[in-house]
Amino acid sequence: MKKIFKLYLLGFFLLSDFIVFAQEPGAGAEGGQPSLEGTSDPQPASVDSKLIYLLIIGLLFAVYTIQKRSKKA
């Protein structure tokens, strides 16, 4: 039961970033309505904030794999 709770908690913290920074539907430049003739392009999406999660998960997987192989030998 504790293992499932820990996995749920980890998943919540990793995925909550998407929810926290989500844009409201219909939010545009003029009066909350999206404009077809906007004066500027939208800001490009940043990928840099997710690279740290990928690095952490990769390191944890590497440690897990090394420990698993050392127990077999």
Protein backbone atom coordinates (compact mmCIF):
# COMPACT_ATOMS: atom_id res chain seq x y z
CA MET A 1 0.00 0.00 0.00
CA LYS A 2 2.85 2.37 0.83
CA LYS A 3 4.52 1.64 -2.50
CA ILE A 4 1.39 2.57 -4.43
CA PHE A 5 1.02 5.77 -2.41
CA LYS A 6 4.63 6.75 -3.08
CA LEU A 7 4.22 6.14 -6.81
CA TYR A 8 0.97 8.15 -6.84
CA LEU A 9 2.62 11.01 -4.95
CA LEU A 10 5.63 11.00 -7.31
CA GLY A 11 3.36 11.01 -10.35
CA PHE A 12 1.32 13.87 -8.91
CA PHE A 13 4.37 16.05 -8.35
CA LEU A 14 5.84 15.30 -11.77
CA LEU A 15 2.59 15.95 -13.63
CA SER A 16 1.29 18.88 -11.58
CA ASP A 17 3.62 21.23 -13.45
CA PHE A 18 1.45 20.84 -16.56
CA ILE A 19 -1.69 21.80 -14.65
CA VAL A 20 -0.21 24.71 -12.73
CA PHE A 21 0.99 26.55 -15.84
CA ALA A 22 -1.91 25.72 -18.16
CA GLN A 23 -3.42 28.57 -20.15
CA GLU A 24 -7.12 29.34 -19.76
CA PRO A 25 -9.27 28.45 -22.75
CA GLY A 26 -10.13 31.49 -24.82
CA ALA A 27 -7.39 33.68 -23.34
CA GLY A 28 -6.25 35.95 -26.13
CA ALA A 29 -4.83 39.37 -26.73
CA GLU A 30 -8.09 41.30 -26.97
CA GLY A 31 -10.81 40.99 -24.34
CA GLY A 32 -10.21 37.35 -23.53
CA GLN A 33 -11.10 36.23 -27.07
CA PRO A 34 -8.51 34.69 -29.35
CA SER A 35 -7.83 36.93 -32.33
CA LEU A 36 -7.23 35.57 -35.81
CA GLU A 37 -5.27 38.64 -36.80
CA GLY A 38 -3.01 38.84 -33.78
CA THR A 39 -0.23 41.38 -33.75
CA SER A 40 2.36 38.96 -32.42
CA ASP A 41 3.09 35.27 -32.44
CA PRO A 42 2.61 33.29 -29.22
CA GLN A 43 5.66 32.60 -27.10
CA PRO A 44 7.42 29.35 -27.95
CA ALA A 45 7.05 26.54 -25.43
CA SER A 46 10.00 25.99 -23.12
CA VAL A 47 11.38 22.49 -22.89
CA ASP A 48 14.13 23.32 -20.40
CA SER A 49 11.95 22.87 -17.29
CA LYS A 50 11.32 19.20 -18.12
CA LEU A 51 14.93 18.21 -18.80
CA ILE A 52 15.76 17.99 -15.09
CA TYR A 53 12.97 15.42 -14.61
CA LEU A 54 14.33 13.37 -17.49
CA LEU A 55 17.82 13.52 -16.01
CA ILE A 56 16.63 12.42 -12.56
CA ILE A 57 14.57 9.53 -13.94
CA GLY A 58 17.51 8.44 -16.12
CA LEU A 59 19.91 8.44 -13.17
CA LEU A 60 17.47 6.51 -10.98
CA PHE A 61 16.97 3.94 -13.74
CA ALA A 62 20.74 3.57 -14.17
CA VAL A 63 21.26 3.02 -10.43
CA TYR A 64 18.40 0.50 -10.34
CA THR A 65 19.79 -1.42 -13.31
CA ILE A 66 23.32 -1.53 -11.88
CA GLN A 67 22.06 -2.74 -8.51
CA LYS A 68 19.88 -5.39 -10.14
CA ARG A 69 22.77 -6.72 -12.24
CA SER A 70 25.16 -6.78 -9.28
CA LYS A 71 22.72 -8.90 -7.23
CA LYS A 72 22.50 -11.50 -10.03
CA ALA A 73 26.28 -11.92 -10.20
